Amino acid sequence: MTMRKKSNKIPKSLQGVLWSVKVENLDLQKDKVYIIHQILSYGSLKELKWLLKNYSLSEIKQVFLNYPMRVYTPSSFNFIKEIFLGIKKRLNEKKYISSLPFVR
């Protein structure tokens, strides 16, 4: 059994944001697309700070631009894109914004 470096460990406090997978089963590198998008979309400022400590801003931007996921609301998409990441170019919102229909 190999021991992981402590820096590669994802804190249990992120389980609420990374709800679809147990945090102890996530790998910072292999699962970075999932981790980055989930925290960008659902995380608080505390989780965003953790994200910046574990990934560079350019790495986060690259994941956001090259591996879009439909997990954002229109307002969270605009905040992350324009304010947090400083991306001014136009992006195809259909690749980012979740449009789950309400079922009655």
N, C-alpha and C. Protein backbone atom coordinates (compact mmCIF):
# COMPACT_ATOMS: atom_id res chain seq x y z
N MET A 1 0.84 -1.18 0.00
CA MET A 1 0.00 0.00 0.00
C MET A 1 0.89 1.24 0.00
N THR A 2 0.68 2.12 -0.95
CA THR A 2 1.49 3.33 -1.02
C THR A 2 0.78 4.47 -0.32
N MET A 3 1.57 5.28 0.35
CA MET A 3 1.01 6.43 1.05
C MET A 3 0.97 7.63 0.11
N ARG A 4 -0.13 8.33 0.13
CA ARG A 4 -0.23 9.55 -0.65
C ARG A 4 0.44 10.69 0.09
N LYS A 5 0.94 11.63 -0.66
CA LYS A 5 1.46 12.85 -0.04
C LYS A 5 0.28 13.59 0.58
N LYS A 6 0.53 14.23 1.69
CA LYS A 6 -0.55 14.94 2.37
C LYS A 6 -1.17 16.01 1.47
N SER A 7 -0.35 16.65 0.64
CA SER A 7 -0.85 17.72 -0.24
C SER A 7 -1.82 17.19 -1.30
N ASN A 8 -1.76 15.89 -1.58
CA ASN A 8 -2.67 15.31 -2.57
C ASN A 8 -4.01 14.91 -1.98
N LYS A 9 -4.13 15.03 -0.67
CA LYS A 9 -5.35 14.63 -0.01
C LYS A 9 -6.41 15.72 -0.14
N ILE A 10 -7.60 15.32 -0.45
CA ILE A 10 -8.71 16.25 -0.57
C ILE A 10 -9.45 16.25 0.77
N PRO A 11 -9.60 17.41 1.40
CA PRO A 11 -10.22 17.44 2.72
C PRO A 11 -11.68 16.98 2.71
N LYS A 12 -12.08 16.30 3.79
CA LYS A 12 -13.45 15.83 3.92
C LYS A 12 -14.45 16.98 3.88
N SER A 13 -14.00 18.17 4.24
CA SER A 13 -14.90 19.34 4.23
C SER A 13 -15.41 19.67 2.82
N LEU A 14 -14.76 19.12 1.79
CA LEU A 14 -15.20 19.37 0.41
C LEU A 14 -16.24 18.35 -0.07
N GLN A 15 -16.57 17.37 0.78
CA GLN A 15 -17.51 16.32 0.37
C GLN A 15 -18.86 16.90 -0.08
N GLY A 16 -19.32 17.95 0.57
CA GLY A 16 -20.61 18.56 0.19
C GLY A 16 -20.61 19.15 -1.21
N VAL A 17 -19.47 19.61 -1.67
CA VAL A 17 -19.36 20.19 -3.01
C VAL A 17 -19.04 19.10 -4.04
N LEU A 18 -18.32 18.08 -3.60
CA LEU A 18 -17.92 16.97 -4.48
C LEU A 18 -18.79 15.75 -4.15
N TRP A 19 -20.09 15.96 -4.14
CA TRP A 19 -21.02 14.98 -3.59
C TRP A 19 -21.14 13.66 -4.33
N SER A 20 -20.86 13.63 -5.61
CA SER A 20 -21.11 12.40 -6.37
C SER A 20 -20.02 11.34 -6.24
N VAL A 21 -18.90 11.68 -5.60
CA VAL A 21 -17.80 10.74 -5.39
C VAL A 21 -17.27 10.96 -3.97
N LYS A 22 -16.92 9.88 -3.28
CA LYS A 22 -16.30 10.04 -1.96
C LYS A 22 -14.95 10.73 -2.14
N VAL A 23 -14.69 11.76 -1.33
CA VAL A 23 -13.45 12.53 -1.50
C VAL A 23 -12.21 11.65 -1.37
N GLU A 24 -12.26 10.61 -0.54
CA GLU A 24 -11.08 9.75 -0.40
C GLU A 24 -10.80 8.94 -1.66
N ASN A 25 -11.78 8.86 -2.58
CA ASN A 25 -11.59 8.15 -3.84
C ASN A 25 -11.15 9.07 -4.99
N LEU A 26 -11.05 10.35 -4.72
CA LEU A 26 -10.66 11.31 -5.77
C LEU A 26 -9.15 11.51 -5.78
N ASP A 27 -8.63 11.74 -6.97
CA ASP A 27 -7.22 12.03 -7.16
C ASP A 27 -7.11 13.45 -7.71
N LEU A 28 -6.25 14.28 -7.10
CA LEU A 28 -6.13 15.68 -7.51
C LEU A 28 -5.85 15.85 -8.99
N GLN A 29 -5.03 14.99 -9.58
CA GLN A 29 -4.70 15.12 -11.00
C GLN A 29 -5.68 14.39 -11.90
N LYS A 30 -5.94 13.13 -11.61
CA LYS A 30 -6.82 12.35 -12.49
C LYS A 30 -8.24 12.91 -12.53
N ASP A 31 -8.69 13.47 -11.43
CA ASP A 31 -10.08 13.94 -11.33
C ASP A 31 -10.18 15.46 -11.33
N LYS A 32 -9.15 16.14 -11.84
CA LYS A 32 -9.13 17.60 -11.72
C LYS A 32 -10.26 18.30 -12.49
N VAL A 33 -10.70 17.75 -13.61
CA VAL A 33 -11.80 18.40 -14.35
C VAL A 33 -13.06 18.41 -13.48
N TYR A 34 -13.38 17.27 -12.90
CA TYR A 34 -14.55 17.18 -12.02
C TYR A 34 -14.38 18.10 -10.80
N ILE A 35 -13.25 18.00 -10.13
CA ILE A 35 -13.00 18.78 -8.91
C ILE A 35 -13.10 20.28 -9.20
N ILE A 36 -12.44 20.73 -10.25
CA ILE A 36 -12.42 22.16 -10.58
C ILE A 36 -13.82 22.66 -10.91
N HIS A 37 -14.54 21.97 -11.78
CA HIS A 37 -15.88 22.44 -12.14
C HIS A 37 -16.85 22.42 -10.97
N GLN A 38 -16.80 21.36 -10.16
CA GLN A 38 -17.71 21.29 -9.01
C GLN A 38 -17.46 22.44 -8.04
N ILE A 39 -16.19 22.72 -7.76
CA ILE A 39 -15.88 23.80 -6.82
C ILE A 39 -16.20 25.16 -7.43
N LEU A 40 -15.91 25.35 -8.70
CA LEU A 40 -16.26 26.62 -9.35
C LEU A 40 -17.76 26.84 -9.33
N SER A 41 -18.52 25.80 -9.57
CA SER A 41 -19.96 25.93 -9.67
C SER A 41 -20.67 26.00 -8.31
N TYR A 42 -20.24 25.18 -7.37
CA TYR A 42 -20.98 25.03 -6.12
C TYR A 42 -20.23 25.49 -4.87
N GLY A 43 -18.96 25.80 -5.00
CA GLY A 43 -18.16 26.13 -3.83
C GLY A 43 -18.36 27.54 -3.31
N SER A 44 -18.03 27.71 -2.03
CA SER A 44 -18.04 29.04 -1.40
C SER A 44 -16.65 29.66 -1.59
N LEU A 45 -16.45 30.84 -1.05
CA LEU A 45 -15.13 31.47 -1.16
C LEU A 45 -14.06 30.61 -0.50
N LYS A 46 -14.41 29.93 0.58
CA LYS A 46 -13.46 29.04 1.27
C LYS A 46 -12.99 27.93 0.32
N GLU A 47 -13.92 27.32 -0.41
CA GLU A 47 -13.55 26.26 -1.35
C GLU A 47 -12.79 26.82 -2.55
N LEU A 48 -13.13 28.02 -2.99
CA LEU A 48 -12.39 28.64 -4.09
C LEU A 48 -10.94 28.91 -3.68
N LYS A 49 -10.73 29.32 -2.43
CA LYS A 49 -9.36 29.52 -1.94
C LYS A 49 -8.59 28.20 -1.94
N TRP A 50 -9.24 27.12 -1.50
CA TRP A 50 -8.60 25.80 -1.50
C TRP A 50 -8.21 25.42 -2.93
N LEU A 51 -9.12 25.70 -3.88
CA LEU A 51 -8.87 25.39 -5.28
C LEU A 51 -7.61 26.10 -5.77
N LEU A 52 -7.47 27.38 -5.44
CA LEU A 52 -6.30 28.17 -5.86
C LEU A 52 -5.01 27.72 -5.18
N LYS A 53 -5.11 27.09 -4.02
CA LYS A 53 -3.92 26.56 -3.35
C LYS A 53 -3.46 25.26 -3.99
N ASN A 54 -4.39 24.56 -4.63
CA ASN A 54 -4.07 23.24 -5.18
C ASN A 54 -3.89 23.20 -6.69
N TYR A 55 -4.37 24.22 -7.38
CA TYR A 55 -4.21 24.33 -8.83
C TYR A 55 -3.85 25.77 -9.15
N SER A 56 -3.03 25.96 -10.17
CA SER A 56 -2.70 27.34 -10.58
C SER A 56 -3.91 27.95 -11.29
N LEU A 57 -3.96 29.27 -11.29
CA LEU A 57 -5.06 29.96 -11.98
C LEU A 57 -5.07 29.59 -13.46
N SER A 58 -3.90 29.46 -14.08
CA SER A 58 -3.86 29.11 -15.50
C SER A 58 -4.37 27.68 -15.73
N GLU A 59 -4.09 26.77 -14.79
CA GLU A 59 -4.59 25.40 -14.90
C GLU A 59 -6.12 25.38 -14.75
N ILE A 60 -6.65 26.17 -13.83
CA ILE A 60 -8.11 26.26 -13.64
C ILE A 60 -8.76 26.83 -14.90
N LYS A 61 -8.18 27.90 -15.44
CA LYS A 61 -8.71 28.50 -16.67
C LYS A 61 -8.70 27.50 -17.81
N GLN A 62 -7.60 26.76 -17.93
CA GLN A 62 -7.47 25.80 -19.01
C GLN A 62 -8.55 24.71 -18.93
N VAL A 63 -8.79 24.21 -17.72
CA VAL A 63 -9.84 23.21 -17.54
C VAL A 63 -11.20 23.82 -17.89
N PHE A 64 -11.45 25.03 -17.39
CA PHE A 64 -12.73 25.70 -17.64
C PHE A 64 -12.98 25.89 -19.14
N LEU A 65 -11.96 26.30 -19.87
CA LEU A 65 -12.11 26.58 -21.30
C LEU A 65 -12.10 25.31 -22.17
N ASN A 66 -11.28 24.34 -21.83
CA ASN A 66 -11.09 23.17 -22.70
C ASN A 66 -11.96 21.97 -22.36
N TYR A 67 -12.53 21.96 -21.16
CA TYR A 67 -13.37 20.83 -20.74
C TYR A 67 -14.66 21.36 -20.11
N PRO A 68 -15.50 22.03 -20.90
CA PRO A 68 -16.72 22.60 -20.33
C PRO A 68 -17.64 21.52 -19.74
N MET A 69 -18.30 21.87 -18.65
CA MET A 69 -19.29 20.98 -18.04
C MET A 69 -20.55 21.78 -17.79
N ARG A 70 -21.69 21.16 -18.02
CA ARG A 70 -22.97 21.85 -17.84
C ARG A 70 -23.43 21.73 -16.39
N VAL A 71 -22.77 22.49 -15.52
CA VAL A 71 -23.09 22.44 -14.09
C VAL A 71 -23.35 23.83 -13.50
N TYR A 72 -23.38 24.85 -14.34
CA TYR A 72 -23.48 26.22 -13.86
C TYR A 72 -24.88 26.81 -14.05
N THR A 73 -25.24 27.71 -13.14
CA THR A 73 -26.41 28.55 -13.36
C THR A 73 -25.91 29.74 -14.18
N PRO A 74 -26.79 30.49 -14.81
CA PRO A 74 -26.31 31.66 -15.57
C PRO A 74 -25.49 32.62 -14.71
N SER A 75 -25.93 32.88 -13.48
CA SER A 75 -25.20 33.83 -12.64
C SER A 75 -23.86 33.27 -12.17
N SER A 76 -23.80 31.98 -11.80
CA SER A 76 -22.51 31.42 -11.37
C SER A 76 -21.55 31.34 -12.55
N PHE A 77 -22.05 31.03 -13.73
CA PHE A 77 -21.21 30.99 -14.93
C PHE A 77 -20.57 32.35 -15.19
N ASN A 78 -21.39 33.40 -15.15
CA ASN A 78 -20.87 34.75 -15.41
C ASN A 78 -19.87 35.19 -14.34
N PHE A 79 -20.16 34.90 -13.07
CA PHE A 79 -19.23 35.26 -11.99
C PHE A 79 -17.89 34.55 -12.18
N ILE A 80 -17.92 33.25 -12.38
CA ILE A 80 -16.68 32.47 -12.53
C ILE A 80 -15.92 32.92 -13.77
N LYS A 81 -16.61 33.03 -14.89
CA LYS A 81 -15.97 33.37 -16.16
C LYS A 81 -15.34 34.77 -16.12
N GLU A 82 -16.13 35.75 -15.76
CA GLU A 82 -15.67 37.13 -15.89
C GLU A 82 -14.94 37.68 -14.68
N ILE A 83 -15.39 37.35 -13.49
CA ILE A 83 -14.78 37.94 -12.29
C ILE A 83 -13.68 37.06 -11.72
N PHE A 84 -14.00 35.79 -11.44
CA PHE A 84 -13.01 34.91 -10.82
C PHE A 84 -11.87 34.57 -11.77
N LEU A 85 -12.19 34.21 -13.02
CA LEU A 85 -11.15 33.80 -13.98
C LEU A 85 -10.71 34.93 -14.91
N GLY A 86 -11.48 36.01 -14.98
CA GLY A 86 -11.11 37.15 -15.83
C GLY A 86 -11.14 36.85 -17.31
N ILE A 87 -12.04 35.97 -17.73
CA ILE A 87 -12.15 35.62 -19.15
C ILE A 87 -13.15 36.57 -19.80
N LYS A 88 -12.67 37.35 -20.75
CA LYS A 88 -13.53 38.36 -21.39
C LYS A 88 -14.10 37.89 -22.72
N LYS A 89 -13.49 36.84 -23.31
CA LYS A 89 -13.99 36.41 -24.62
C LYS A 89 -15.33 35.68 -24.46
N ARG A 90 -16.10 35.70 -25.54
CA ARG A 90 -17.41 35.08 -25.54
C ARG A 90 -17.27 33.56 -25.60
N LEU A 91 -18.04 32.87 -24.75
CA LEU A 91 -18.04 31.41 -24.74
C LEU A 91 -19.45 30.91 -25.03
N ASN A 92 -19.54 29.69 -25.54
CA ASN A 92 -20.83 29.08 -25.79
C ASN A 92 -21.46 28.65 -24.47
N GLU A 93 -22.41 29.44 -23.98
CA GLU A 93 -23.03 29.18 -22.68
C GLU A 93 -23.73 27.83 -22.61
N LYS A 94 -24.18 27.32 -23.74
CA LYS A 94 -24.87 26.03 -23.76
C LYS A 94 -23.98 24.89 -23.26
N LYS A 95 -22.66 25.09 -23.35
CA LYS A 95 -21.72 24.06 -22.89
C LYS A 95 -21.49 24.12 -21.39
N TYR A 96 -21.97 25.18 -20.73
CA TYR A 96 -21.70 25.39 -19.30
C TYR A 96 -22.95 25.44 -18.44
N ILE A 97 -24.03 25.99 -18.98
CA ILE A 97 -25.21 26.24 -18.17
C ILE A 97 -26.15 25.05 -18.21
N SER A 98 -26.47 24.57 -17.01
CA SER A 98 -27.37 23.44 -16.87
C SER A 98 -28.79 23.94 -17.09
N SER A 99 -29.53 23.21 -17.88
CA SER A 99 -30.92 23.60 -18.11
C SER A 99 -31.83 22.41 -17.82
N LEU A 100 -31.72 21.91 -16.60
CA LEU A 100 -32.55 20.77 -16.22
C LEU A 100 -34.00 21.20 -16.15
N PRO A 101 -34.88 20.53 -16.87
CA PRO A 101 -36.29 20.91 -16.81
C PRO A 101 -36.91 20.47 -15.50
N PHE A 102 -37.86 21.26 -15.02
CA PHE A 102 -38.57 20.89 -13.82
C PHE A 102 -39.66 19.90 -14.18
N VAL A 103 -39.73 18.82 -13.47
CA VAL A 103 -40.74 17.79 -13.74
C VAL A 103 -41.79 17.87 -12.67
N ARG A 104 -43.04 17.89 -13.09
CA ARG A 104 -44.15 17.96 -12.12
C ARG A 104 -44.90 16.66 -12.11
